[in-house]
Amino acid sequence: MKLTSRATVTGRSVLVALGVVVVVVVWVFAFYLPQTKKLSNLDAQRTSLQGTVAADQARLLQLEKEAQHVTQIRAMYTKLESYVPSTVNVYTYIHTISAAAKSASVTITSLEPGMLTAASGTSYSSIPITASVRGTYDHLLAFLKDLYNLPRLTDVNTISVTGGGPGTNRGTELSATFELAIFTSQEPGTP
């Protein structure tokens, strides 16, 4: 009988061991491997998020550096905006041209503004102005320089000069016609 009970004990031990192995295998496949996969995915996400955080921190540092220059950038923007204002205001500009002419010692014989038109290749509009003046070579040159230094963007398209010739000098009075364009961000047809 001892043999039978030993066989029973051994059989039970094998069954218990087999049960333990089955439980471990089920635990490995049902819990451990899925959790390992989740952990691997979480590690990948963490690495990706760390990269994103590092990029965001670098961008934040760049923005903080740029924020130190906001006052300068606003001042530059305001200045550039005054070169091409949103209003036409031709009469103020004509007064400015007159002041430039007076400063350069030239005499304006006529100033003729044209109609507001779209400036091709830009988002701006232009106003053509024809300015006819009289003065010496040096005075005309000073007037041209003053036109380029006006507070509003001014494009000198053409200059036609008459007078002078053989036997004249820099002090001889000349007549000149300047074809100008001033610019605005106002679109043609808007009041």
C-alpha atoms as a PDB file:
ATOM      1  CA  MET A   1       0.000   0.000   0.000  1.00  0.00           C
ATOM      2  CA  LYS A   2       2.845   2.227   0.478  1.00  0.00           C
ATOM      3  CA  LEU A   3       3.523   2.079  -3.200  1.00  0.00           C
ATOM      4  CA  THR A   4       0.076   3.175  -4.062  1.00  0.00           C
ATOM      5  CA  SER A   5       0.191   6.078  -1.737  1.00  0.00           C
ATOM      6  CA  ARG A   6       3.573   7.100  -3.083  1.00  0.00           C
ATOM      7  CA  ALA A   7       2.208   6.936  -6.593  1.00  0.00           C
ATOM      8  CA  THR A   8      -0.759   8.985  -5.505  1.00  0.00           C
ATOM      9  CA  VAL A   9       1.508  11.556  -3.845  1.00  0.00           C
ATOM     10  CA  THR A  10       3.772  11.663  -6.905  1.00  0.00           C
ATOM     11  CA  GLY A  11       0.749  11.927  -9.199  1.00  0.00           C
ATOM     12  CA  ARG A  12      -0.628  14.744  -7.119  1.00  0.00           C
ATOM     13  CA  SER A  13       2.742  16.451  -7.092  1.00  0.00           C
ATOM     14  CA  VAL A  14       2.932  16.199 -10.873  1.00  0.00           C
ATOM     15  CA  LEU A  15      -0.601  17.532 -11.180  1.00  0.00           C
ATOM     16  CA  VAL A  16       0.203  20.424  -8.824  1.00  0.00           C
ATOM     17  CA  ALA A  17       3.425  21.163 -10.719  1.00  0.00           C
ATOM     18  CA  LEU A  18       1.557  20.950 -14.007  1.00  0.00           C
ATOM     19  CA  GLY A  19      -1.150  23.265 -12.604  1.00  0.00           C
ATOM     20  CA  VAL A  20       1.506  25.738 -11.476  1.00  0.00           C
ATOM     21  CA  VAL A  21       3.107  25.660 -14.932  1.00  0.00           C
ATOM     22  CA  VAL A  22      -0.291  26.219 -16.586  1.00  0.00           C
ATOM     23  CA  VAL A  23      -1.048  29.110 -14.218  1.00  0.00           C
ATOM     24  CA  VAL A  24       2.391  30.665 -14.923  1.00  0.00           C
ATOM     25  CA  VAL A  25       1.956  30.254 -18.697  1.00  0.00           C
ATOM     26  CA  VAL A  26      -1.535  31.763 -18.548  1.00  0.00           C
ATOM     27  CA  TRP A  27      -0.192  34.622 -16.387  1.00  0.00           C
ATOM     28  CA  VAL A  28       2.693  35.234 -18.842  1.00  0.00           C
ATOM     29  CA  PHE A  29       0.433  35.333 -21.901  1.00  0.00           C
ATOM     30  CA  ALA A  30      -2.594  36.982 -20.294  1.00  0.00           C
ATOM     31  CA  PHE A  31      -0.899  39.619 -18.127  1.00  0.00           C
ATOM     32  CA  TYR A  32       2.892  39.868 -18.383  1.00  0.00           C
ATOM     33  CA  LEU A  33       3.355  40.061 -22.185  1.00  0.00           C
ATOM     34  CA  PRO A  34       0.514  42.567 -22.744  1.00  0.00           C
ATOM     35  CA  GLN A  35       1.828  44.742 -19.914  1.00  0.00           C
ATOM     36  CA  THR A  36       5.347  44.532 -21.354  1.00  0.00           C
ATOM     37  CA  LYS A  37       3.997  45.676 -24.717  1.00  0.00           C
ATOM     38  CA  LYS A  38       2.131  48.540 -23.036  1.00  0.00           C
ATOM     39  CA  LEU A  39       5.299  49.475 -21.172  1.00  0.00           C
ATOM     40  CA  SER A  40       7.264  49.461 -24.417  1.00  0.00           C
ATOM     41  CA  ASN A  41       4.637  51.713 -26.049  1.00  0.00           C
ATOM     42  CA  LEU A  42       4.706  54.046 -23.047  1.00  0.00           C
ATOM     43  CA  ASP A  43       8.509  54.243 -23.259  1.00  0.00           C
ATOM     44  CA  ALA A  44       8.252  55.179 -26.949  1.00  0.00           C
ATOM     45  CA  GLN A  45       5.634  57.821 -26.137  1.00  0.00           C
ATOM     46  CA  ARG A  46       7.776  59.177 -23.316  1.00  0.00           C
ATOM     47  CA  THR A  47      10.775  59.458 -25.651  1.00  0.00           C
ATOM     48  CA  SER A  48       8.639  61.217 -28.252  1.00  0.00           C
ATOM     49  CA  LEU A  49       7.202  63.600 -25.647  1.00  0.00           C
ATOM     50  CA  GLN A  50      10.672  64.353 -24.302  1.00  0.00           C
ATOM     51  CA  GLY A  51      11.720  65.323 -27.823  1.00  0.00           C
ATOM     52  CA  THR A  52       8.653  67.527 -28.182  1.00  0.00           C
ATOM     53  CA  VAL A  53       9.284  69.157 -24.807  1.00  0.00           C
ATOM     54  CA  ALA A  54      12.924  69.805 -25.743  1.00  0.00           C
ATOM     55  CA  ALA A  55      11.861  71.386 -29.046  1.00  0.00           C
ATOM     56  CA  ASP A  56       9.224  73.482 -27.263  1.00  0.00           C
ATOM     57  CA  GLN A  57      11.761  74.629 -24.681  1.00  0.00           C
ATOM     58  CA  ALA A  58      14.180  75.649 -27.443  1.00  0.00           C
ATOM     59  CA  ARG A  59      11.376  77.562 -29.186  1.00  0.00           C
ATOM     60  CA  LEU A  60      10.399  79.195 -25.885  1.00  0.00           C
ATOM     61  CA  LEU A  61      13.977  80.380 -25.359  1.00  0.00           C
ATOM     62  CA  GLN A  62      13.987  81.800 -28.894  1.00  0.00           C
ATOM     63  CA  LEU A  63      10.683  83.588 -28.269  1.00  0.00           C
ATOM     64  CA  GLU A  64      11.999  84.999 -24.983  1.00  0.00           C
ATOM     65  CA  LYS A  65      15.023  86.394 -26.845  1.00  0.00           C
ATOM     66  CA  GLU A  66      12.780  87.861 -29.532  1.00  0.00           C
ATOM     67  CA  ALA A  67      10.422  89.317 -26.926  1.00  0.00           C
ATOM     68  CA  GLN A  68      13.294  91.475 -25.713  1.00  0.00           C
ATOM     69  CA  HIS A  69      13.208  93.215 -29.106  1.00  0.00           C
ATOM     70  CA  VAL A  70       9.452  93.783 -29.367  1.00  0.00           C
ATOM     71  CA  THR A  71       9.789  97.529 -28.760  1.00  0.00           C
ATOM     72  CA  GLN A  72      12.394  97.849 -31.497  1.00  0.00           C
ATOM     73  CA  ILE A  73      10.352  95.735 -33.903  1.00  0.00           C
ATOM     74  CA  ARG A  74       7.211  97.791 -33.234  1.00  0.00           C
ATOM     75  CA  ALA A  75       9.139 101.017 -33.840  1.00  0.00           C
ATOM     76  CA  MET A  76      10.500  99.622 -37.113  1.00  0.00           C
ATOM     77  CA  TYR A  77       7.025  98.478 -38.142  1.00  0.00           C
ATOM     78  CA  THR A  78       5.544 101.897 -37.415  1.00  0.00           C
ATOM     79  CA  LYS A  79       8.288 103.573 -39.417  1.00  0.00           C
ATOM     80  CA  LEU A  80       7.865 101.201 -42.355  1.00  0.00           C
ATOM     81  CA  GLU A  81       4.091 101.577 -42.193  1.00  0.00           C
ATOM     82  CA  SER A  82       4.520 105.348 -42.542  1.00  0.00           C
ATOM     83  CA  TYR A  83       6.383 104.770 -45.825  1.00  0.00           C
ATOM     84  CA  VAL A  84       3.221 103.227 -47.302  1.00  0.00           C
ATOM     85  CA  PRO A  85       0.298 104.514 -45.228  1.00  0.00           C
ATOM     86  CA  SER A  86      -3.228 103.213 -45.539  1.00  0.00           C
ATOM     87  CA  THR A  87      -4.568 106.598 -46.640  1.00  0.00           C
ATOM     88  CA  VAL A  88      -3.992 108.392 -49.911  1.00  0.00           C
ATOM     89  CA  ASN A  89      -3.716 111.949 -48.520  1.00  0.00           C
ATOM     90  CA  VAL A  90      -2.216 113.358 -51.743  1.00  0.00           C
ATOM     91  CA  TYR A  91      -2.547 116.989 -50.698  1.00  0.00           C
ATOM     92  CA  THR A  92      -0.357 116.503 -47.645  1.00  0.00           C
ATOM     93  CA  TYR A  93       2.153 114.794 -49.899  1.00  0.00           C
ATOM     94  CA  ILE A  94       2.020 117.674 -52.409  1.00  0.00           C
ATOM     95  CA  HIS A  95       2.770 120.030 -49.535  1.00  0.00           C
ATOM     96  CA  THR A  96       5.752 117.789 -48.643  1.00  0.00           C
ATOM     97  CA  ILE A  97       7.007 117.932 -52.255  1.00  0.00           C
ATOM     98  CA  SER A  98       6.626 121.711 -52.186  1.00  0.00           C
ATOM     99  CA  ALA A  99       8.682 121.883 -48.992  1.00  0.00           C
ATOM    100  CA  ALA A 100      11.368 119.682 -50.614  1.00  0.00           C
ATOM    101  CA  ALA A 101      11.419 121.960 -53.649  1.00  0.00           C
ATOM    102  CA  LYS A 102      11.772 125.047 -51.467  1.00  0.00           C
ATOM    103  CA  SER A 103      14.593 123.369 -49.506  1.00  0.00           C
ATOM    104  CA  ALA A 104      16.403 122.508 -52.771  1.00  0.00           C
ATOM    105  CA  SER A 105      15.827 126.022 -54.174  1.00  0.00           C
ATOM    106  CA  VAL A 106      13.857 124.856 -57.216  1.00  0.00           C
ATOM    107  CA  THR A 107      10.666 126.456 -58.461  1.00  0.00           C
ATOM    108  CA  ILE A 108       7.664 124.207 -59.036  1.00  0.00           C
ATOM    109  CA  THR A 109       5.901 125.104 -62.260  1.00  0.00           C
ATOM    110  CA  SER A 110       3.263 122.372 -61.956  1.00  0.00           C
ATOM    111  CA  LEU A 111       2.249 119.405 -59.789  1.00  0.00           C
ATOM    112  CA  GLU A 112      -0.288 116.979 -61.214  1.00  0.00           C
ATOM    113  CA  PRO A 113      -1.457 113.968 -59.198  1.00  0.00           C
ATOM    114  CA  GLY A 114      -3.022 111.091 -61.102  1.00  0.00           C
ATOM    115  CA  MET A 115      -5.603 108.465 -60.186  1.00  0.00           C
ATOM    116  CA  LEU A 116      -5.003 105.736 -57.627  1.00  0.00           C
ATOM    117  CA  THR A 117      -4.051 102.499 -59.439  1.00  0.00           C
ATOM    118  CA  ALA A 118      -2.926  99.045 -58.372  1.00  0.00           C
ATOM    119  CA  ALA A 119       0.857  98.739 -58.310  1.00  0.00           C
ATOM    120  CA  SER A 120       1.602  95.641 -60.362  1.00  0.00           C
ATOM    121  CA  GLY A 121       3.402  92.854 -58.574  1.00  0.00           C
ATOM    122  CA  THR A 122       2.597  94.249 -55.100  1.00  0.00           C
ATOM    123  CA  SER A 123      -0.295  94.450 -52.676  1.00  0.00           C
ATOM    124  CA  TYR A 124      -0.085  98.255 -52.778  1.00  0.00           C
ATOM    125  CA  SER A 125      -1.615 101.002 -54.863  1.00  0.00           C
ATOM    126  CA  SER A 126       0.269 103.876 -56.415  1.00  0.00           C
ATOM    127  CA  ILE A 127      -0.562 107.467 -57.191  1.00  0.00           C
ATOM    128  CA  PRO A 128       1.359 108.938 -60.118  1.00  0.00           C
ATOM    129  CA  ILE A 129       2.479 112.535 -59.730  1.00  0.00           C
ATOM    130  CA  THR A 130       4.085 114.688 -62.394  1.00  0.00           C
ATOM    131  CA  ALA A 131       6.233 117.469 -60.979  1.00  0.00           C
ATOM    132  CA  SER A 132       7.675 120.112 -63.316  1.00  0.00           C
ATOM    133  CA  VAL A 133      10.373 122.313 -61.793  1.00  0.00           C
ATOM    134  CA  ARG A 134      13.032 124.886 -62.718  1.00  0.00           C
ATOM    135  CA  GLY A 135      16.435 125.286 -61.161  1.00  0.00           C
ATOM    136  CA  THR A 136      20.156 124.868 -61.658  1.00  0.00           C
ATOM    137  CA  TYR A 137      21.828 121.492 -62.062  1.00  0.00           C
ATOM    138  CA  ASP A 138      22.872 121.488 -58.384  1.00  0.00           C
ATOM    139  CA  HIS A 139      19.370 122.519 -57.274  1.00  0.00           C
ATOM    140  CA  LEU A 140      17.733 119.779 -59.382  1.00  0.00           C
ATOM    141  CA  LEU A 141      20.148 117.222 -57.927  1.00  0.00           C
ATOM    142  CA  ALA A 142      19.335 118.428 -54.380  1.00  0.00           C
ATOM    143  CA  PHE A 143      15.604 118.151 -55.183  1.00  0.00           C
ATOM    144  CA  LEU A 144      16.056 114.584 -56.421  1.00  0.00           C
ATOM    145  CA  LYS A 145      17.885 113.661 -53.210  1.00  0.00           C
ATOM    146  CA  ASP A 146      15.119 115.315 -51.171  1.00  0.00           C
ATOM    147  CA  LEU A 147      12.491 113.278 -53.042  1.00  0.00           C
ATOM    148  CA  TYR A 148      14.254 110.071 -52.069  1.00  0.00           C
ATOM    149  CA  ASN A 149      14.387 111.233 -48.453  1.00  0.00           C
ATOM    150  CA  LEU A 150      10.687 112.024 -48.151  1.00  0.00           C
ATOM    151  CA  PRO A 151       8.871 110.293 -45.288  1.00  0.00           C
ATOM    152  CA  ARG A 152       6.592 108.444 -47.718  1.00  0.00           C
ATOM    153  CA  LEU A 153       7.926 105.890 -50.193  1.00  0.00           C
ATOM    154  CA  THR A 154       8.482 107.751 -53.447  1.00  0.00           C
ATOM    155  CA  ASP A 155       9.508 106.153 -56.714  1.00  0.00           C
ATOM    156  CA  VAL A 156      11.093 108.430 -59.310  1.00  0.00           C
ATOM    157  CA  ASN A 157      10.202 106.714 -62.576  1.00  0.00           C
ATOM    158  CA  THR A 158      11.581 109.190 -65.127  1.00  0.00           C
ATOM    159  CA  ILE A 159      13.326 112.541 -65.234  1.00  0.00           C
ATOM    160  CA  SER A 160      13.279 114.738 -68.345  1.00  0.00           C
ATOM    161  CA  VAL A 161      15.646 117.721 -68.367  1.00  0.00           C
ATOM    162  CA  THR A 162      15.627 120.546 -70.910  1.00  0.00           C
ATOM    163  CA  GLY A 163      17.943 123.509 -71.236  1.00  0.00           C
ATOM    164  CA  GLY A 164      21.663 123.716 -70.880  1.00  0.00           C
ATOM    165  CA  GLY A 165      23.921 122.729 -73.755  1.00  0.00           C
ATOM    166  CA  PRO A 166      27.127 124.279 -75.123  1.00  0.00           C
ATOM    167  CA  GLY A 167      28.212 127.457 -73.417  1.00  0.00           C
ATOM    168  CA  THR A 168      26.245 126.765 -70.205  1.00  0.00           C
ATOM    169  CA  ASN A 169      27.489 125.938 -66.737  1.00  0.00           C
ATOM    170  CA  ARG A 170      26.176 124.453 -63.487  1.00  0.00           C
ATOM    171  CA  GLY A 171      24.512 127.749 -62.679  1.00  0.00           C
ATOM    172  CA  THR A 172      22.353 127.742 -65.831  1.00  0.00           C
ATOM    173  CA  GLU A 173      18.655 127.346 -65.137  1.00  0.00           C
ATOM    174  CA  LEU A 174      17.178 124.083 -66.397  1.00  0.00           C
ATOM    175  CA  SER A 175      13.634 122.764 -66.621  1.00  0.00           C
ATOM    176  CA  ALA A 176      12.902 119.233 -65.437  1.00  0.00           C
ATOM    177  CA  THR A 177       9.872 117.000 -65.271  1.00  0.00           C
ATOM    178  CA  PHE A 178       9.817 114.252 -62.653  1.00  0.00           C
ATOM    179  CA  GLU A 179       7.401 111.346 -63.080  1.00  0.00           C
ATOM    180  CA  LEU A 180       6.860 110.117 -59.507  1.00  0.00           C
ATOM    181  CA  ALA A 181       4.747 107.504 -57.808  1.00  0.00           C
ATOM    182  CA  ILE A 182       3.768 107.408 -54.166  1.00  0.00           C
ATOM    183  CA  PHE A 183       2.335 104.292 -52.580  1.00  0.00           C
ATOM    184  CA  THR A 184      -0.509 103.401 -50.270  1.00  0.00           C
ATOM    185  CA  SER A 185      -1.950 100.199 -48.885  1.00  0.00           C
ATOM    186  CA  GLN A 186      -5.432 101.475 -49.791  1.00  0.00           C
ATOM    187  CA  GLU A 187      -6.999  99.588 -52.692  1.00  0.00           C
ATOM    188  CA  PRO A 188      -8.239 101.466 -55.764  1.00  0.00           C
ATOM    189  CA  GLY A 189     -11.941 102.222 -55.621  1.00  0.00           C
ATOM    190  CA  THR A 190     -12.126 102.436 -51.806  1.00  0.00           C
ATOM    191  CA  PRO A 191     -13.065 105.808 -50.295  1.00  0.00           C
END
